Protein backbone atom coordinates (compact mmCIF):
# COMPACT_ATOMS: atom_id res chain seq x y z
CA UNK A 1 144.10 45.45 -96.70
CA UNK A 2 140.41 46.18 -97.16
CA UNK A 3 138.60 48.00 -99.92
CA UNK A 4 134.84 48.20 -99.62
CA UNK A 5 132.05 49.73 -101.65
CA UNK A 6 128.83 51.03 -100.18
CA UNK A 7 126.12 53.60 -100.63
CA UNK A 8 126.96 56.13 -97.93
CA UNK A 9 123.36 57.27 -97.54
CA UNK A 10 120.89 54.67 -98.67
CA UNK A 11 118.65 55.71 -101.50
CA UNK A 12 120.86 58.57 -102.78
CA UNK A 13 122.53 56.55 -105.53
CA UNK A 14 125.93 57.90 -104.45
CA UNK A 15 128.43 55.09 -104.02
CA UNK A 16 131.75 55.40 -102.22
CA UNK A 17 134.89 53.33 -101.88
CA UNK A 18 136.49 52.99 -98.45
CA UNK A 19 140.13 51.94 -98.15
CA UNK A 20 141.70 50.65 -94.95
CA UNK A 21 145.34 49.78 -95.52
CA UNK A 22 147.99 49.36 -92.81
CA UNK A 23 146.11 51.53 -90.37
CA UNK A 24 145.45 54.32 -92.88
CA UNK A 25 141.98 55.01 -94.15
CA UNK A 26 140.74 56.84 -97.22
CA UNK A 27 137.31 57.39 -98.69
CA UNK A 28 136.13 58.81 -102.00
CA UNK A 29 132.77 59.33 -103.66
CA UNK A 30 132.71 57.62 -107.05
CA UNK A 31 129.17 57.77 -108.38
CA UNK A 32 127.34 54.69 -109.62
CA UNK A 33 127.69 51.27 -108.02
CA UNK A 34 129.17 49.86 -111.21
CA UNK A 35 131.84 52.55 -111.36
CA UNK A 36 132.62 52.13 -107.67
CA UNK A 37 133.17 48.39 -108.09
CA UNK A 38 135.46 49.05 -111.04
CA UNK A 39 137.52 51.50 -108.96
CA UNK A 40 137.57 48.98 -106.12
CA UNK A 41 139.22 46.39 -108.37
CA UNK A 42 141.79 48.92 -109.56
CA UNK A 43 142.56 49.99 -106.00
CA UNK A 44 143.05 46.42 -104.81
CA UNK A 45 145.42 45.76 -107.70
CA UNK A 46 147.51 48.86 -107.08
CA UNK A 47 147.68 48.28 -103.33
CA UNK A 48 148.81 44.71 -103.99
CA UNK A 49 151.66 46.12 -106.09
CA UNK A 50 152.64 48.45 -103.28
CA UNK A 51 151.37 51.61 -104.92
CA UNK A 52 150.09 53.38 -101.84
CA UNK A 53 149.48 56.77 -103.39
CA UNK A 54 146.20 55.83 -104.96
CA UNK A 55 144.04 58.69 -103.79
CA UNK A 56 146.13 61.81 -103.53
CA UNK A 57 143.47 64.32 -102.66
CA UNK A 58 145.01 66.20 -99.77
CA UNK A 59 143.07 65.79 -96.53
CA UNK A 60 143.28 68.90 -94.32
CA UNK A 61 144.86 68.81 -90.90
CA UNK A 62 142.88 69.18 -87.71
CA UNK A 63 144.38 72.66 -87.25
CA UNK A 64 143.44 73.86 -90.75
CA UNK A 65 139.96 72.40 -90.91
CA UNK A 66 139.26 73.23 -87.26
CA UNK A 67 139.98 76.90 -87.91
CA UNK A 68 137.69 76.85 -90.94
CA UNK A 69 134.93 75.17 -88.93
CA UNK A 70 135.18 77.63 -86.07
CA UNK A 71 135.09 80.62 -88.41
CA UNK A 72 132.04 79.28 -90.21
CA UNK A 73 129.88 77.25 -87.86
CA UNK A 74 130.04 79.44 -84.77
CA UNK A 75 129.19 82.83 -86.21
CA UNK A 76 125.54 82.58 -85.16
CA UNK A 77 126.38 81.51 -81.60
CA UNK A 78 126.48 83.86 -78.64
CA UNK A 79 129.86 85.48 -77.98
CA UNK A 80 130.32 83.55 -74.74
CA UNK A 81 129.71 80.19 -76.42
CA UNK A 82 131.96 81.04 -79.35
CA UNK A 83 134.77 82.12 -77.02
CA UNK A 84 134.32 78.93 -75.00
CA UNK A 85 134.59 76.74 -78.10
CA UNK A 86 137.52 78.66 -79.56
CA UNK A 87 139.32 78.43 -76.22
CA UNK A 88 138.75 74.68 -76.05
CA UNK A 89 140.18 74.29 -79.55
CA UNK A 90 143.24 76.47 -78.96
CA UNK A 91 144.14 75.17 -75.49
CA UNK A 92 143.33 71.46 -75.75
CA UNK A 93 142.66 70.23 -79.29
CA UNK A 94 145.17 72.08 -81.42
CA UNK A 95 148.22 71.35 -79.23
CA UNK A 96 147.39 67.66 -79.27
CA UNK A 97 146.10 67.00 -82.80
CA UNK A 98 147.03 70.05 -84.89
CA UNK A 99 149.37 68.35 -87.35
CA UNK A 100 147.33 65.21 -87.83
CA UNK A 101 145.23 64.96 -90.94
CA UNK A 102 141.54 64.51 -90.22
CA UNK A 103 141.65 61.00 -91.65
CA UNK A 104 144.52 60.06 -89.34
CA UNK A 105 142.60 60.68 -86.13
CA UNK A 106 141.26 57.47 -84.65
CA UNK A 107 138.71 56.80 -81.96
CA UNK A 108 141.52 55.71 -79.66
CA UNK A 109 143.13 59.16 -80.10
CA UNK A 110 139.94 60.75 -78.79
CA UNK A 111 139.82 58.27 -75.93
CA UNK A 112 143.41 59.04 -74.89
CA UNK A 113 142.77 62.78 -75.13
CA UNK A 114 139.81 62.44 -72.76
CA UNK A 115 141.82 60.29 -70.34
CA UNK A 116 144.69 62.80 -70.29
CA UNK A 117 142.28 65.65 -69.63
CA UNK A 118 140.93 63.71 -66.66
CA UNK A 119 144.44 63.17 -65.32
CA UNK A 120 145.07 66.91 -65.71
CA UNK A 121 142.13 67.51 -63.39
CA UNK A 122 139.68 68.91 -65.94
CA UNK A 123 136.04 68.65 -64.93
CA UNK A 124 133.61 66.45 -66.81
CA UNK A 125 131.79 69.57 -68.00
CA UNK A 126 135.00 71.02 -69.46
CA UNK A 127 135.91 67.73 -71.13
CA UNK A 128 132.42 67.51 -72.62
CA UNK A 129 132.84 70.94 -74.21
CA UNK A 130 136.22 69.92 -75.68
CA UNK A 131 134.75 66.71 -77.06
CA UNK A 132 131.78 68.59 -78.50
CA UNK A 133 134.11 70.93 -80.39
CA UNK A 134 136.16 68.04 -81.74
CA UNK A 135 133.04 66.12 -82.72
CA UNK A 136 131.65 69.22 -84.43
CA UNK A 137 134.79 69.50 -86.52
CA UNK A 138 134.55 65.89 -87.69
CA UNK A 139 130.81 66.19 -88.33
CA UNK A 140 131.57 69.19 -90.53
CA UNK A 141 134.21 67.16 -92.39
CA UNK A 142 131.64 64.43 -93.00
CA UNK A 143 129.14 66.95 -94.34
CA UNK A 144 131.87 68.27 -96.67
CA UNK A 145 132.47 64.66 -97.78
CA UNK A 146 136.06 64.68 -96.56
CA UNK A 147 135.45 61.82 -94.10
CA UNK A 148 133.01 58.97 -93.83
CA UNK A 149 133.17 58.44 -90.05
CA UNK A 150 133.38 60.57 -86.92
CA UNK A 151 136.03 59.19 -84.51
CA UNK A 152 134.26 60.95 -81.62
CA UNK A 153 131.22 58.73 -82.00
CA UNK A 154 130.43 56.62 -78.93
CA UNK A 155 133.18 58.21 -76.83
CA UNK A 156 130.83 59.94 -74.38
CA UNK A 157 131.17 57.05 -71.94
CA UNK A 158 134.83 57.97 -71.43
CA UNK A 159 133.87 61.44 -70.21
CA UNK A 160 131.88 60.05 -67.30
CA UNK A 161 129.46 62.22 -65.37
CA UNK A 162 128.11 65.09 -67.44
CA UNK A 163 129.35 67.56 -64.87
CA UNK A 164 125.91 68.94 -64.13
CA UNK A 165 126.24 71.08 -61.04
CA UNK A 166 124.24 69.94 -58.04
CA UNK A 167 121.12 71.91 -57.20
CA UNK A 168 121.60 73.31 -53.70
CA UNK A 169 118.77 75.76 -52.96
CA UNK A 170 118.55 77.96 -49.90
CA UNK A 171 116.12 77.20 -47.12
CA UNK A 172 113.54 79.78 -46.09
CA UNK A 173 115.67 80.65 -43.05
CA UNK A 174 118.78 81.10 -45.20
CA UNK A 175 116.92 83.43 -47.55
CA UNK A 176 115.83 85.51 -44.55
CA UNK A 177 119.38 85.71 -43.17
CA UNK A 178 120.85 86.69 -46.56
CA UNK A 179 118.30 89.44 -47.15
CA UNK A 180 118.52 90.71 -43.56
CA UNK A 181 122.32 90.94 -43.71
CA UNK A 182 122.17 92.66 -47.10
CA UNK A 183 119.58 95.21 -46.03
CA UNK A 184 121.62 96.14 -42.97
CA UNK A 185 125.05 96.36 -44.60
CA UNK A 186 124.73 97.08 -48.31
CA UNK A 187 122.83 99.22 -50.77
CA UNK A 188 119.15 98.96 -51.57
CA UNK A 189 120.11 97.98 -55.13
CA UNK A 190 121.99 94.82 -54.09
CA UNK A 191 119.27 93.91 -51.60
CA UNK A 192 116.62 94.25 -54.31
CA UNK A 193 118.75 92.29 -56.76
CA UNK A 194 119.04 89.34 -54.37
CA UNK A 195 115.32 89.58 -53.62
CA UNK A 196 114.43 89.57 -57.31
CA UNK A 197 116.68 86.58 -58.04
CA UNK A 198 115.12 84.49 -55.30
CA UNK A 199 111.54 85.63 -55.98
CA UNK A 200 111.53 85.54 -59.81
CA UNK A 201 114.10 82.90 -60.77
CA UNK A 202 115.67 85.03 -63.51
CA UNK A 203 119.37 84.60 -64.29
CA UNK A 204 121.94 87.08 -62.99
CA UNK A 205 122.72 88.30 -66.52
CA UNK A 206 119.01 88.87 -67.17
CA UNK A 207 118.66 90.80 -63.92
CA UNK A 208 121.65 93.04 -64.61
CA UNK A 209 120.27 93.77 -68.10
CA UNK A 210 116.93 95.01 -66.73
CA UNK A 211 116.11 98.62 -67.46
CA UNK A 212 113.26 100.65 -66.01
CA UNK A 213 111.06 100.43 -69.14
CA UNK A 214 111.20 96.63 -68.75
CA UNK A 215 109.16 96.79 -65.54
CA UNK A 216 105.38 96.89 -65.82
CA UNK A 217 104.40 98.15 -62.38
CA UNK A 218 100.69 97.95 -63.10
CA UNK A 219 100.69 94.28 -64.14
CA UNK A 220 103.61 93.31 -61.88
CA UNK A 221 105.74 91.91 -64.70
CA UNK A 222 109.34 92.13 -65.88
CA UNK A 223 110.04 91.90 -69.61
CA UNK A 224 113.08 89.63 -70.03
CA UNK A 225 114.29 90.62 -73.48
CA UNK A 226 118.07 90.83 -73.07
CA UNK A 227 120.99 89.66 -70.93
CA UNK A 228 124.08 91.44 -69.65
CA UNK A 229 127.38 89.84 -70.63
CA UNK A 230 129.39 90.76 -67.55
CA UNK A 231 132.63 89.48 -69.11
CA UNK A 232 132.44 91.63 -72.25
CA UNK A 233 130.30 94.40 -70.73
CA UNK A 234 127.59 94.41 -73.36
CA UNK A 235 123.94 93.46 -73.84
CA UNK A 236 123.09 90.19 -75.58
CA UNK A 237 119.99 88.04 -76.06
CA UNK A 238 118.80 85.86 -73.16
CA UNK A 239 119.90 82.24 -72.99
CA UNK A 240 118.14 80.07 -75.59
CA UNK A 241 117.10 83.41 -77.20
CA UNK A 242 113.92 82.93 -75.17
CA UNK A 243 112.13 86.23 -74.54
CA UNK A 244 109.50 86.10 -71.82
CA UNK A 245 107.58 87.99 -69.17
CA UNK A 246 108.17 87.13 -65.54
CA UNK A 247 105.71 87.70 -62.71
CA UNK A 248 106.89 89.84 -59.80
CA UNK A 249 105.74 89.46 -56.21
CA UNK A 250 104.45 92.40 -54.20
CA UNK A 251 107.68 92.49 -52.16
CA UNK A 252 109.82 92.74 -55.29
CA UNK A 253 107.66 95.49 -56.73
CA UNK A 254 107.81 97.53 -53.53
CA UNK A 255 111.60 97.13 -53.38
CA UNK A 256 111.92 98.31 -56.99
CA UNK A 257 109.83 101.39 -56.17
CA UNK A 258 112.08 102.17 -53.22
CA UNK A 259 115.32 102.08 -55.19
CA UNK A 260 113.77 104.11 -57.99
CA UNK A 261 112.79 106.86 -55.54
CA UNK A 262 116.07 106.77 -53.59
CA UNK A 263 118.59 106.73 -56.44
CA UNK A 264 120.96 109.70 -56.43
CA UNK A 265 121.74 109.27 -60.11
CA UNK A 266 118.67 108.11 -61.99
CA UNK A 267 117.97 107.44 -65.63
CA UNK A 268 114.39 106.28 -66.13
CA UNK A 269 115.48 104.60 -69.35
CA UNK A 270 118.67 103.14 -67.89
CA UNK A 271 119.72 100.08 -65.91
CA UNK A 272 117.92 99.28 -62.68
CA UNK A 273 120.69 97.68 -60.66
CA UNK A 274 123.42 100.30 -60.43
CA UNK A 275 125.94 101.61 -57.93
CA UNK A 276 125.82 105.04 -56.30
CA UNK A 277 127.35 106.58 -59.45
CA UNK A 278 124.66 105.18 -61.68
CA UNK A 279 126.88 102.52 -63.27
CA UNK A 280 125.59 99.00 -63.74
CA UNK A 281 126.57 96.73 -60.83
CA UNK A 282 129.58 94.53 -61.55
CA UNK A 283 129.36 90.79 -61.17
CA UNK A 284 132.44 90.63 -58.92
CA UNK A 285 130.82 93.07 -56.48
CA UNK A 286 127.64 90.99 -56.36
CA UNK A 287 129.53 87.72 -55.93
CA UNK A 288 131.69 89.17 -53.15
CA UNK A 289 128.59 90.43 -51.35
CA UNK A 290 126.96 87.01 -51.54
CA UNK A 291 130.01 85.28 -50.10
CA UNK A 292 130.25 87.76 -47.23
CA UNK A 293 126.57 87.92 -46.31
CA UNK A 294 125.17 84.46 -47.02
CA UNK A 295 124.85 82.05 -44.09
CA UNK A 296 126.99 79.48 -45.95
CA UNK A 297 129.10 79.30 -49.14
CA UNK A 298 126.83 79.45 -52.18
CA UNK A 299 126.66 80.40 -55.84
CA UNK A 300 124.59 83.21 -57.31
CA UNK A 301 122.77 80.62 -59.42
CA UNK A 302 121.58 78.96 -56.18
CA UNK A 303 119.13 81.86 -55.79
CA UNK A 304 117.50 80.82 -59.08
CA UNK A 305 117.43 77.21 -57.87
CA UNK A 306 115.73 78.42 -54.70
CA UNK A 307 112.90 80.04 -56.64
CA UNK A 308 112.33 76.87 -58.67
CA UNK A 309 112.41 74.47 -55.73
CA UNK A 310 110.24 76.68 -53.51
CA UNK A 311 107.51 76.76 -56.14
CA UNK A 312 107.67 73.14 -57.25
CA UNK A 313 107.84 71.74 -53.72
CA UNK A 314 104.57 73.55 -53.01
CA UNK A 315 102.85 71.97 -55.97
CA UNK A 316 102.81 75.03 -58.22
CA UNK A 317 102.01 74.56 -61.89
CA UNK A 318 105.01 72.92 -63.58
CA UNK A 319 104.40 74.54 -66.96
CA UNK A 320 104.25 78.01 -65.42
CA UNK A 321 107.44 77.47 -63.40
CA UNK A 322 109.25 76.27 -66.51
CA UNK A 323 107.99 79.27 -68.48
CA UNK A 324 109.03 81.72 -65.77
CA UNK A 325 112.51 80.19 -65.65
CA UNK A 326 112.86 80.46 -69.42
CA UNK A 327 113.64 76.78 -69.96
CA UNK A 328 113.45 75.63 -73.57
CA UNK A 329 111.44 72.55 -72.62
CA UNK A 330 109.35 71.46 -69.63
CA UNK A 331 111.26 68.19 -69.75
CA UNK A 332 114.41 70.09 -68.80
CA UNK A 333 112.66 71.53 -65.75
CA UNK A 334 111.59 68.04 -64.71
CA UNK A 335 115.10 66.62 -65.20
CA UNK A 336 116.60 69.47 -63.20
CA UNK A 337 114.12 69.76 -60.35
CA UNK A 338 111.94 66.65 -60.61
CA UNK A 339 112.72 65.31 -57.14
CA UNK A 340 111.36 68.52 -55.57
CA UNK A 341 107.95 67.88 -57.08
CA UNK A 342 105.76 66.33 -54.35
CA UNK A 343 105.10 62.67 -54.97
CA UNK A 344 102.34 62.07 -52.44
CA UNK A 345 98.98 62.91 -53.96
CA UNK A 346 96.71 60.32 -52.39
CA UNK A 347 93.90 62.85 -52.17
CA UNK A 348 94.06 63.33 -55.93
CA UNK A 349 94.19 59.60 -56.53
CA UNK A 350 91.16 59.17 -54.27
CA UNK A 351 89.22 61.59 -56.48
CA UNK A 352 89.26 58.89 -59.17
CA UNK A 353 86.84 56.87 -57.05
CA UNK A 354 84.40 59.78 -57.20
CA UNK A 355 84.93 60.57 -60.89
CA UNK A 356 84.60 56.98 -62.09
CA UNK A 357 82.79 54.83 -59.52
CA UNK A 358 82.92 51.07 -59.93
CA UNK A 359 80.38 48.40 -59.04
CA UNK A 360 81.03 46.37 -55.92
CA UNK A 361 82.20 42.85 -56.65
CA UNK A 362 79.53 40.17 -56.37
CA UNK A 363 79.79 38.29 -53.15
CA UNK A 364 79.96 34.52 -53.19
CA UNK A 365 77.68 32.57 -50.89
């Protein structure tokens, strides 16, 4: 049996009692330190007499509080993220922990859940999402002063590798083969889409969302102000809500002019990448084309990786590359593509001798 008193957040003057009795834990905010110590003595006496029902405030179950958290905390998130989190809760958290009260979930429960997900063959990325949802629920319970600890804390090591997909860019020859095959066998729209992805680094959703007013032909820029959700068939904001302008190469601009002049069904205010009926290209059609025409198996996102690695490996400005990609921080660009940044700059190091010359050391006789 253990009953402790402490100020939950130092300096607030709010004192709590924490009860740990036969594997069950309770916590309650009391007020002043003096009052908390008085309650502590009463609790210890009642527990010693076997009166376990000291604090009867009903703690919600994981299912009940999880539903409340999802309905409240996720409303500002993008639909795709919200669906991902709700799916993780319904498929993996609720079946396992639904009937447990929040204060009954222990760190070992989280550990065993992670281990079972691994055995079931779930990827580290999927497990991380599930753990993030569970941790978010307990963090919310702490903020609502239902709990004093988060059992998900320090459990990241059980997940293992973060699941970050490997960056596998195309070589210059592979880009040529892909574009050659596409130009010979498919529409100008798909060819131009692949060209834009590999020459601008924008995401596939951002490319599919592009409409003709978004292209500034005079300044060779694309205004990335929305993204196409190809699961729900609707426009959303770009990832990270980061609006930006992306530079377009001469080849991309010429290709865009060609499809604009050759389209049978054209809407100068509508989507750029459409089929012969004027409907926005579907992701499954694009993915199938890539698998059939690429020189090796690859992902659509590899075209974005190709843009980034081509530029960085040639010593292009890191800040500009990060900005064009729409990364929220330059540090993310470095973490993702750092080993493509050339490391041999002896000529630049040698310039230091010219900028700041030093005296020759005195020679000894």
